Amino acid sequence: MNEDVEKKFAKLMAELATQRDELRVQLHLLKAETRDEWDELEEKWQHLEGKLGVVGKSAKLSAQEIGAATEQLGEELGRAYERIKKAIK
């Protein structure tokens, strides 16, 4: 994977990790339905971390295909974290 793509995903992961950490601290305030969404997001987070760990090693999919899927999942997580943040306020 080229350096620009790696930097892009590193930045995305850092931003998502910050949002995730802030929300985790406030988790005790969440309603039951929001907690369910949080649990689903945690599964997706684990998937995203795992996928990024093998991006450079994958021979089955091109870096472009993996990059597009990973970016889509990252954006989905970001939107969901924003929804949870609004629900907390």
PDB file of N, CA and C in Angstrom:
ATOM      1  N   MET A   1       0.866  -1.169   0.000  1.00  0.00           N
ATOM      2  CA  MET A   1       0.000   0.000   0.000  1.00  0.00           C
ATOM      3  C   MET A   1       0.903   1.218   0.000  1.00  0.00           C
ATOM      4  N   ASN A   2       0.505   2.239  -0.751  1.00  0.00           N
ATOM      5  CA  ASN A   2       1.395   3.386  -0.825  1.00  0.00           C
ATOM      6  C   ASN A   2       1.319   4.235   0.437  1.00  0.00           C
ATOM      7  N   GLU A   3       2.308   5.071   0.595  1.00  0.00           N
ATOM      8  CA  GLU A   3       2.467   5.856   1.826  1.00  0.00           C
ATOM      9  C   GLU A   3       1.300   6.800   2.075  1.00  0.00           C
ATOM     10  N   ASP A   4       0.758   7.428   1.009  1.00  0.00           N
ATOM     11  CA  ASP A   4      -0.375   8.349   1.182  1.00  0.00           C
ATOM     12  C   ASP A   4      -1.597   7.635   1.735  1.00  0.00           C
ATOM     13  N   VAL A   5      -1.871   6.454   1.225  1.00  0.00           N
ATOM     14  CA  VAL A   5      -3.016   5.685   1.690  1.00  0.00           C
ATOM     15  C   VAL A   5      -2.801   5.272   3.140  1.00  0.00           C
ATOM     16  N   GLU A   6      -1.592   4.859   3.469  1.00  0.00           N
ATOM     17  CA  GLU A   6      -1.296   4.474   4.849  1.00  0.00           C
ATOM     18  C   GLU A   6      -1.491   5.651   5.794  1.00  0.00           C
ATOM     19  N   LYS A   7      -1.043   6.841   5.389  1.00  0.00           N
ATOM     20  CA  LYS A   7      -1.218   8.037   6.211  1.00  0.00           C
ATOM     21  C   LYS A   7      -2.697   8.372   6.378  1.00  0.00           C
ATOM     22  N   LYS A   8      -3.458   8.225   5.288  1.00  0.00           N
ATOM     23  CA  LYS A   8      -4.892   8.510   5.323  1.00  0.00           C
ATOM     24  C   LYS A   8      -5.588   7.600   6.320  1.00  0.00           C
ATOM     25  N   PHE A   9      -5.274   6.310   6.271  1.00  0.00           N
ATOM     26  CA  PHE A   9      -5.913   5.376   7.183  1.00  0.00           C
ATOM     27  C   PHE A   9      -5.418   5.554   8.611  1.00  0.00           C
ATOM     28  N   ALA A  10      -4.168   5.910   8.783  1.00  0.00           N
ATOM     29  CA  ALA A  10      -3.654   6.177  10.131  1.00  0.00           C
ATOM     30  C   ALA A  10      -4.385   7.362  10.737  1.00  0.00           C
ATOM     31  N   LYS A  11      -4.628   8.393   9.938  1.00  0.00           N
ATOM     32  CA  LYS A  11      -5.356   9.573  10.419  1.00  0.00           C
ATOM     33  C   LYS A  11      -6.795   9.192  10.755  1.00  0.00           C
ATOM     34  N   LEU A  12      -7.437   8.430   9.885  1.00  0.00           N
ATOM     35  CA  LEU A  12      -8.813   7.985  10.125  1.00  0.00           C
ATOM     36  C   LEU A  12      -8.896   7.180  11.417  1.00  0.00           C
ATOM     37  N   MET A  13      -7.974   6.249  11.600  1.00  0.00           N
ATOM     38  CA  MET A  13      -7.978   5.422  12.805  1.00  0.00           C
ATOM     39  C   MET A  13      -7.748   6.269  14.054  1.00  0.00           C
ATOM     40  N   ALA A  14      -6.864   7.249  13.970  1.00  0.00           N
ATOM     41  CA  ALA A  14      -6.608   8.122  15.121  1.00  0.00           C
ATOM     42  C   ALA A  14      -7.856   8.921  15.479  1.00  0.00           C
ATOM     43  N   GLU A  15      -8.536   9.462  14.473  1.00  0.00           N
ATOM     44  CA  GLU A  15      -9.761  10.227  14.720  1.00  0.00           C
ATOM     45  C   GLU A  15     -10.849   9.347  15.323  1.00  0.00           C
ATOM     46  N   LEU A  16     -11.026   8.160  14.756  1.00  0.00           N
ATOM     47  CA  LEU A  16     -12.042   7.240  15.266  1.00  0.00           C
ATOM     48  C   LEU A  16     -11.689   6.765  16.678  1.00  0.00           C
ATOM     49  N   ALA A  17     -10.411   6.518  16.926  1.00  0.00           N
ATOM     50  CA  ALA A  17      -9.996   6.072  18.260  1.00  0.00           C
ATOM     51  C   ALA A  17     -10.292   7.144  19.298  1.00  0.00           C
ATOM     52  N   THR A  18     -10.076   8.411  18.949  1.00  0.00           N
ATOM     53  CA  THR A  18     -10.365   9.501  19.874  1.00  0.00           C
ATOM     54  C   THR A  18     -11.854   9.549  20.183  1.00  0.00           C
ATOM     55  N   GLN A  19     -12.683   9.496  19.141  1.00  0.00           N
ATOM     56  CA  GLN A  19     -14.135   9.507  19.347  1.00  0.00           C
ATOM     57  C   GLN A  19     -14.556   8.311  20.198  1.00  0.00           C
ATOM     58  N   ARG A  20     -14.026   7.159  19.878  1.00  0.00           N
ATOM     59  CA  ARG A  20     -14.371   5.923  20.577  1.00  0.00           C
ATOM     60  C   ARG A  20     -14.000   6.034  22.051  1.00  0.00           C
ATOM     61  N   ASP A  21     -12.813   6.519  22.338  1.00  0.00           N
ATOM     62  CA  ASP A  21     -12.369   6.646  23.723  1.00  0.00           C
ATOM     63  C   ASP A  21     -13.232   7.624  24.515  1.00  0.00           C
ATOM     64  N   GLU A  22     -13.579   8.751  23.894  1.00  0.00           N
ATOM     65  CA  GLU A  22     -14.433   9.731  24.566  1.00  0.00           C
ATOM     66  C   GLU A  22     -15.802   9.136  24.878  1.00  0.00           C
ATOM     67  N   LEU A  23     -16.344   8.393  23.938  1.00  0.00           N
ATOM     68  CA  LEU A  23     -17.665   7.796  24.141  1.00  0.00           C
ATOM     69  C   LEU A  23     -17.628   6.675  25.175  1.00  0.00           C
ATOM     70  N   ARG A  24     -16.552   5.914  25.179  1.00  0.00           N
ATOM     71  CA  ARG A  24     -16.444   4.825  26.143  1.00  0.00           C
ATOM     72  C   ARG A  24     -16.503   5.363  27.572  1.00  0.00           C
ATOM     73  N   VAL A  25     -15.895   6.531  27.808  1.00  0.00           N
ATOM     74  CA  VAL A  25     -15.920   7.144  29.132  1.00  0.00           C
ATOM     75  C   VAL A  25     -17.346   7.483  29.541  1.00  0.00           C
ATOM     76  N   GLN A  26     -18.165   7.867  28.573  1.00  0.00           N
ATOM     77  CA  GLN A  26     -19.534   8.272  28.866  1.00  0.00           C
ATOM     78  C   GLN A  26     -20.539   7.133  28.726  1.00  0.00           C
ATOM     79  N   LEU A  27     -20.060   5.940  28.519  1.00  0.00           N
ATOM     80  CA  LEU A  27     -20.932   4.799  28.243  1.00  0.00           C
ATOM     81  C   LEU A  27     -21.969   4.576  29.334  1.00  0.00           C
ATOM     82  N   HIS A  28     -21.637   4.858  30.557  1.00  0.00           N
ATOM     83  CA  HIS A  28     -22.580   4.622  31.647  1.00  0.00           C
ATOM     84  C   HIS A  28     -23.831   5.492  31.534  1.00  0.00           C
ATOM     85  N   LEU A  29     -23.773   6.538  30.731  1.00  0.00           N
ATOM     86  CA  LEU A  29     -24.914   7.427  30.553  1.00  0.00           C
ATOM     87  C   LEU A  29     -25.868   6.969  29.444  1.00  0.00           C
ATOM     88  N   LEU A  30     -25.429   5.996  28.698  1.00  0.00           N
ATOM     89  CA  LEU A  30     -26.194   5.604  27.517  1.00  0.00           C
ATOM     90  C   LEU A  30     -27.460   4.832  27.863  1.00  0.00           C
ATOM     91  N   LYS A  31     -28.476   5.064  27.080  1.00  0.00           N
ATOM     92  CA  LYS A  31     -29.716   4.304  27.190  1.00  0.00           C
ATOM     93  C   LYS A  31     -29.476   2.905  26.627  1.00  0.00           C
ATOM     94  N   ALA A  32     -30.371   1.991  26.934  1.00  0.00           N
ATOM     95  CA  ALA A  32     -30.224   0.597  26.515  1.00  0.00           C
ATOM     96  C   ALA A  32     -30.098   0.455  25.001  1.00  0.00           C
ATOM     97  N   GLU A  33     -30.910   1.158  24.231  1.00  0.00           N
ATOM     98  CA  GLU A  33     -30.848   0.999  22.771  1.00  0.00           C
ATOM     99  C   GLU A  33     -29.547   1.563  22.210  1.00  0.00           C
ATOM    100  N   THR A  34     -29.069   2.636  22.813  1.00  0.00           N
ATOM    101  CA  THR A  34     -27.799   3.206  22.374  1.00  0.00           C
ATOM    102  C   THR A  34     -26.661   2.276  22.773  1.00  0.00           C
ATOM    103  N   ARG A  35     -26.797   1.624  23.916  1.00  0.00           N
ATOM    104  CA  ARG A  35     -25.779   0.659  24.352  1.00  0.00           C
ATOM    105  C   ARG A  35     -25.712  -0.505  23.357  1.00  0.00           C
ATOM    106  N   ASP A  36     -26.857  -0.949  22.839  1.00  0.00           N
ATOM    107  CA  ASP A  36     -26.870  -2.009  21.831  1.00  0.00           C
ATOM    108  C   ASP A  36     -26.129  -1.565  20.580  1.00  0.00           C
ATOM    109  N   GLU A  37     -26.373  -0.318  20.157  1.00  0.00           N
ATOM    110  CA  GLU A  37     -25.663   0.200  18.986  1.00  0.00           C
ATOM    111  C   GLU A  37     -24.161   0.250  19.265  1.00  0.00           C
ATOM    112  N   TRP A  38     -23.802   0.658  20.481  1.00  0.00           N
ATOM    113  CA  TRP A  38     -22.387   0.707  20.869  1.00  0.00           C
ATOM    114  C   TRP A  38     -21.759  -0.686  20.738  1.00  0.00           C
ATOM    115  N   ASP A  39     -22.452  -1.704  21.217  1.00  0.00           N
ATOM    116  CA  ASP A  39     -21.931  -3.067  21.150  1.00  0.00           C
ATOM    117  C   ASP A  39     -21.705  -3.498  19.700  1.00  0.00           C
ATOM    118  N   GLU A  40     -22.631  -3.135  18.822  1.00  0.00           N
ATOM    119  CA  GLU A  40     -22.462  -3.436  17.395  1.00  0.00           C
ATOM    120  C   GLU A  40     -21.258  -2.703  16.830  1.00  0.00           C
ATOM    121  N   LEU A  41     -21.094  -1.446  17.244  1.00  0.00           N
ATOM    122  CA  LEU A  41     -19.951  -0.659  16.761  1.00  0.00           C
ATOM    123  C   LEU A  41     -18.629  -1.248  17.238  1.00  0.00           C
ATOM    124  N   GLU A  42     -18.622  -1.784  18.436  1.00  0.00           N
ATOM    125  CA  GLU A  42     -17.388  -2.393  18.950  1.00  0.00           C
ATOM    126  C   GLU A  42     -16.981  -3.578  18.077  1.00  0.00           C
ATOM    127  N   GLU A  43     -17.955  -4.360  17.605  1.00  0.00           N
ATOM    128  CA  GLU A  43     -17.653  -5.468  16.703  1.00  0.00           C
ATOM    129  C   GLU A  43     -17.072  -4.943  15.392  1.00  0.00           C
ATOM    130  N   LYS A  44     -17.669  -3.875  14.860  1.00  0.00           N
ATOM    131  CA  LYS A  44     -17.171  -3.288  13.615  1.00  0.00           C
ATOM    132  C   LYS A  44     -15.778  -2.697  13.817  1.00  0.00           C
ATOM    133  N   TRP A  45     -15.540  -2.103  14.990  1.00  0.00           N
ATOM    134  CA  TRP A  45     -14.215  -1.541  15.300  1.00  0.00           C
ATOM    135  C   TRP A  45     -13.169  -2.657  15.258  1.00  0.00           C
ATOM    136  N   GLN A  46     -13.465  -3.775  15.888  1.00  0.00           N
ATOM    137  CA  GLN A  46     -12.539  -4.903  15.884  1.00  0.00           C
ATOM    138  C   GLN A  46     -12.281  -5.385  14.455  1.00  0.00           C
ATOM    139  N   HIS A  47     -13.329  -5.416  13.656  1.00  0.00           N
ATOM    140  CA  HIS A  47     -13.205  -5.824  12.260  1.00  0.00           C
ATOM    141  C   HIS A  47     -12.303  -4.853  11.499  1.00  0.00           C
ATOM    142  N   LEU A  48     -12.523  -3.561  11.712  1.00  0.00           N
ATOM    143  CA  LEU A  48     -11.731  -2.545  11.027  1.00  0.00           C
ATOM    144  C   LEU A  48     -10.267  -2.645  11.425  1.00  0.00           C
ATOM    145  N   GLU A  49      -9.994  -2.787  12.701  1.00  0.00           N
ATOM    146  CA  GLU A  49      -8.607  -2.917  13.152  1.00  0.00           C
ATOM    147  C   GLU A  49      -7.939  -4.137  12.529  1.00  0.00           C
ATOM    148  N   GLY A  50      -8.659  -5.238  12.497  1.00  0.00           N
ATOM    149  CA  GLY A  50      -8.111  -6.453  11.903  1.00  0.00           C
ATOM    150  C   GLY A  50      -7.862  -6.311  10.417  1.00  0.00           C
ATOM    151  N   LYS A  51      -8.798  -5.664   9.744  1.00  0.00           N
ATOM    152  CA  LYS A  51      -8.670  -5.479   8.301  1.00  0.00           C
ATOM    153  C   LYS A  51      -7.460  -4.601   7.980  1.00  0.00           C
ATOM    154  N   LEU A  52      -7.274  -3.546   8.735  1.00  0.00           N
ATOM    155  CA  LEU A  52      -6.130  -2.672   8.496  1.00  0.00           C
ATOM    156  C   LEU A  52      -4.817  -3.375   8.784  1.00  0.00           C
ATOM    157  N   GLY A  53      -4.848  -4.324   9.695  1.00  0.00           N
ATOM    158  CA  GLY A  53      -3.639  -5.058  10.030  1.00  0.00           C
ATOM    159  C   GLY A  53      -3.153  -5.967   8.915  1.00  0.00           C
ATOM    160  N   VAL A  54      -4.069  -6.361   8.035  1.00  0.00           N
ATOM    161  CA  VAL A  54      -3.679  -7.277   6.966  1.00  0.00           C
ATOM    162  C   VAL A  54      -3.714  -6.644   5.582  1.00  0.00           C
ATOM    163  N   VAL A  55      -4.006  -5.352   5.507  1.00  0.00           N
ATOM    164  CA  VAL A  55      -4.130  -4.703   4.200  1.00  0.00           C
ATOM    165  C   VAL A  55      -2.888  -4.926   3.351  1.00  0.00           C
ATOM    166  N   GLY A  56      -1.740  -4.703   3.908  1.00  0.00           N
ATOM    167  CA  GLY A  56      -0.506  -4.839   3.138  1.00  0.00           C
ATOM    168  C   GLY A  56      -0.140  -6.277   2.833  1.00  0.00           C
ATOM    169  N   LYS A  57      -0.734  -7.231   3.527  1.00  0.00           N
ATOM    170  CA  LYS A  57      -0.371  -8.633   3.383  1.00  0.00           C
ATOM    171  C   LYS A  57      -1.344  -9.430   2.515  1.00  0.00           C
ATOM    172  N   SER A  58      -2.461  -8.854   2.184  1.00  0.00           N
ATOM    173  CA  SER A  58      -3.501  -9.593   1.487  1.00  0.00           C
ATOM    174  C   SER A  58      -3.155  -9.794   0.020  1.00  0.00           C
ATOM    175  N   ALA A  59      -3.258 -11.023  -0.423  1.00  0.00           N
ATOM    176  CA  ALA A  59      -3.023 -11.329  -1.827  1.00  0.00           C
ATOM    177  C   ALA A  59      -4.338 -11.557  -2.555  1.00  0.00           C
ATOM    178  N   LYS A  60      -5.433 -11.745  -1.806  1.00  0.00           N
ATOM    179  CA  LYS A  60      -6.713 -12.060  -2.426  1.00  0.00           C
ATOM    180  C   LYS A  60      -7.409 -10.827  -2.976  1.00  0.00           C
ATOM    181  N   LEU A  61      -7.277  -9.695  -2.301  1.00  0.00           N
ATOM    182  CA  LEU A  61      -7.937  -8.478  -2.740  1.00  0.00           C
ATOM    183  C   LEU A  61      -6.891  -7.414  -3.020  1.00  0.00           C
ATOM    184  N   SER A  62      -7.190  -6.560  -3.963  1.00  0.00           N
ATOM    185  CA  SER A  62      -6.258  -5.481  -4.247  1.00  0.00           C
ATOM    186  C   SER A  62      -6.299  -4.462  -3.123  1.00  0.00           C
ATOM    187  N   ALA A  63      -5.238  -3.718  -2.975  1.00  0.00           N
ATOM    188  CA  ALA A  63      -5.174  -2.669  -1.950  1.00  0.00           C
ATOM    189  C   ALA A  63      -6.292  -1.662  -2.163  1.00  0.00           C
ATOM    190  N   GLN A  64      -6.644  -1.413  -3.408  1.00  0.00           N
ATOM    191  CA  GLN A  64      -7.709  -0.453  -3.702  1.00  0.00           C
ATOM    192  C   GLN A  64      -9.058  -0.962  -3.195  1.00  0.00           C
ATOM    193  N   GLU A  65      -9.357  -2.245  -3.421  1.00  0.00           N
ATOM    194  CA  GLU A  65     -10.613  -2.825  -2.953  1.00  0.00           C
ATOM    195  C   GLU A  65     -10.675  -2.815  -1.426  1.00  0.00           C
ATOM    196  N   ILE A  66      -9.591  -3.210  -0.790  1.00  0.00           N
ATOM    197  CA  ILE A  66      -9.539  -3.223   0.667  1.00  0.00           C
ATOM    198  C   ILE A  66      -9.649  -1.807   1.194  1.00  0.00           C
ATOM    199  N   GLY A  67      -8.956  -0.884   0.534  1.00  0.00           N
ATOM    200  CA  GLY A  67      -8.996   0.515   0.957  1.00  0.00           C
ATOM    201  C   GLY A  67     -10.393   1.087   0.893  1.00  0.00           C
ATOM    202  N   ALA A  68     -11.118   0.805  -0.180  1.00  0.00           N
ATOM    203  CA  ALA A  68     -12.478   1.323  -0.332  1.00  0.00           C
ATOM    204  C   ALA A  68     -13.397   0.737   0.735  1.00  0.00           C
ATOM    205  N   ALA A  69     -13.298  -0.552   0.966  1.00  0.00           N
ATOM    206  CA  ALA A  69     -14.143  -1.187   1.983  1.00  0.00           C
ATOM    207  C   ALA A  69     -13.799  -0.676   3.374  1.00  0.00           C
ATOM    208  N   THR A  70     -12.535  -0.504   3.639  1.00  0.00           N
ATOM    209  CA  THR A  70     -12.093  -0.023   4.943  1.00  0.00           C
ATOM    210  C   THR A  70     -12.518   1.416   5.160  1.00  0.00           C
ATOM    211  N   GLU A  71     -12.395   2.223   4.132  1.00  0.00           N
ATOM    212  CA  GLU A  71     -12.820   3.618   4.243  1.00  0.00           C
ATOM    213  C   GLU A  71     -14.318   3.701   4.512  1.00  0.00           C
ATOM    214  N   GLN A  72     -15.092   2.885   3.821  1.00  0.00           N
ATOM    215  CA  GLN A  72     -16.542   2.873   4.014  1.00  0.00           C
ATOM    216  C   GLN A  72     -16.885   2.479   5.456  1.00  0.00           C
ATOM    217  N   LEU A  73     -16.223   1.460   5.978  1.00  0.00           N
ATOM    218  CA  LEU A  73     -16.472   1.032   7.348  1.00  0.00           C
ATOM    219  C   LEU A  73     -16.057   2.117   8.335  1.00  0.00           C
ATOM    220  N   GLY A  74     -14.933   2.776   8.073  1.00  0.00           N
ATOM    221  CA  GLY A  74     -14.488   3.863   8.942  1.00  0.00           C
ATOM    222  C   GLY A  74     -15.475   5.012   8.969  1.00  0.00           C
ATOM    223  N   GLU A  75     -16.003   5.366   7.801  1.00  0.00           N
ATOM    224  CA  GLU A  75     -16.991   6.441   7.732  1.00  0.00           C
ATOM    225  C   GLU A  75     -18.267   6.050   8.463  1.00  0.00           C
ATOM    226  N   GLU A  76     -18.667   4.792   8.323  1.00  0.00           N
ATOM    227  CA  GLU A  76     -19.857   4.307   9.018  1.00  0.00           C
ATOM    228  C   GLU A  76     -19.667   4.398  10.532  1.00  0.00           C
ATOM    229  N   LEU A  77     -18.504   4.002  11.006  1.00  0.00           N
ATOM    230  CA  LEU A  77     -18.216   4.110  12.434  1.00  0.00           C
ATOM    231  C   LEU A  77     -18.252   5.562  12.888  1.00  0.00           C
ATOM    232  N   GLY A  78     -17.668   6.454  12.105  1.00  0.00           N
ATOM    233  CA  GLY A  78     -17.666   7.873  12.454  1.00  0.00           C
ATOM    234  C   GLY A  78     -19.074   8.438  12.578  1.00  0.00           C
ATOM    235  N   ARG A  79     -19.946   8.093  11.629  1.00  0.00           N
ATOM    236  CA  ARG A  79     -21.335   8.565  11.683  1.00  0.00           C
ATOM    237  C   ARG A  79     -22.047   8.007  12.908  1.00  0.00           C
ATOM    238  N   ALA A  80     -21.817   6.751  13.179  1.00  0.00           N
ATOM    239  CA  ALA A  80     -22.471   6.128  14.334  1.00  0.00           C
ATOM    240  C   ALA A  80     -21.970   6.735  15.636  1.00  0.00           C
ATOM    241  N   TYR A  81     -20.677   7.008  15.733  1.00  0.00           N
ATOM    242  CA  TYR A  81     -20.142   7.648  16.942  1.00  0.00           C
ATOM    243  C   TYR A  81     -20.776   9.023  17.132  1.00  0.00           C
ATOM    244  N   GLU A  82     -21.002   9.737  16.053  1.00  0.00           N
ATOM    245  CA  GLU A  82     -21.651  11.054  16.141  1.00  0.00           C
ATOM    246  C   GLU A  82     -23.086  10.911  16.648  1.00  0.00           C
ATOM    247  N   ARG A  83     -23.823   9.890  16.154  1.00  0.00           N
ATOM    248  CA  ARG A  83     -25.189   9.663  16.623  1.00  0.00           C
ATOM    249  C   ARG A  83     -25.200   9.388  18.128  1.00  0.00           C
ATOM    250  N   ILE A  84     -24.271   8.575  18.588  1.00  0.00           N
ATOM    251  CA  ILE A  84     -24.205   8.259  20.004  1.00  0.00           C
ATOM    252  C   ILE A  84     -23.838   9.503  20.810  1.00  0.00           C
ATOM    253  N   LYS A  85     -22.922  10.297  20.295  1.00  0.00           N
ATOM    254  CA  LYS A  85     -22.526  11.521  20.984  1.00  0.00           C
ATOM    255  C   LYS A  85     -23.724  12.458  21.165  1.00  0.00           C
ATOM    256  N   LYS A  86     -24.567  12.557  20.115  1.00  0.00           N
ATOM    257  CA  LYS A  86     -25.771  13.392  20.204  1.00  0.00           C
ATOM    258  C   LYS A  86     -26.775  12.818  21.191  1.00  0.00           C
ATOM    259  N   ALA A  87     -26.862  11.502  21.258  1.00  0.00           N
ATOM    260  CA  ALA A  87     -27.805  10.862  22.175  1.00  0.00           C
ATOM    261  C   ALA A  87     -27.395  11.082  23.633  1.00  0.00           C
ATOM    262  N   ILE A  88     -26.130  11.230  23.873  1.00  0.00           N
ATOM    263  CA  ILE A  88     -25.617  11.430  25.230  1.00  0.00           C
ATOM    264  C   ILE A  88     -25.924  12.824  25.714  1.00  0.00           C
ATOM    265  N   LYS A  89     -25.870  13.790  24.811  1.00  0.00           N
ATOM    266  CA  LYS A  89     -26.052  15.205  25.207  1.00  0.00           C
ATOM    267  C   LYS A  89     -27.466  15.529  25.556  1.00  0.00           C
TER     268      LYS A  89
END
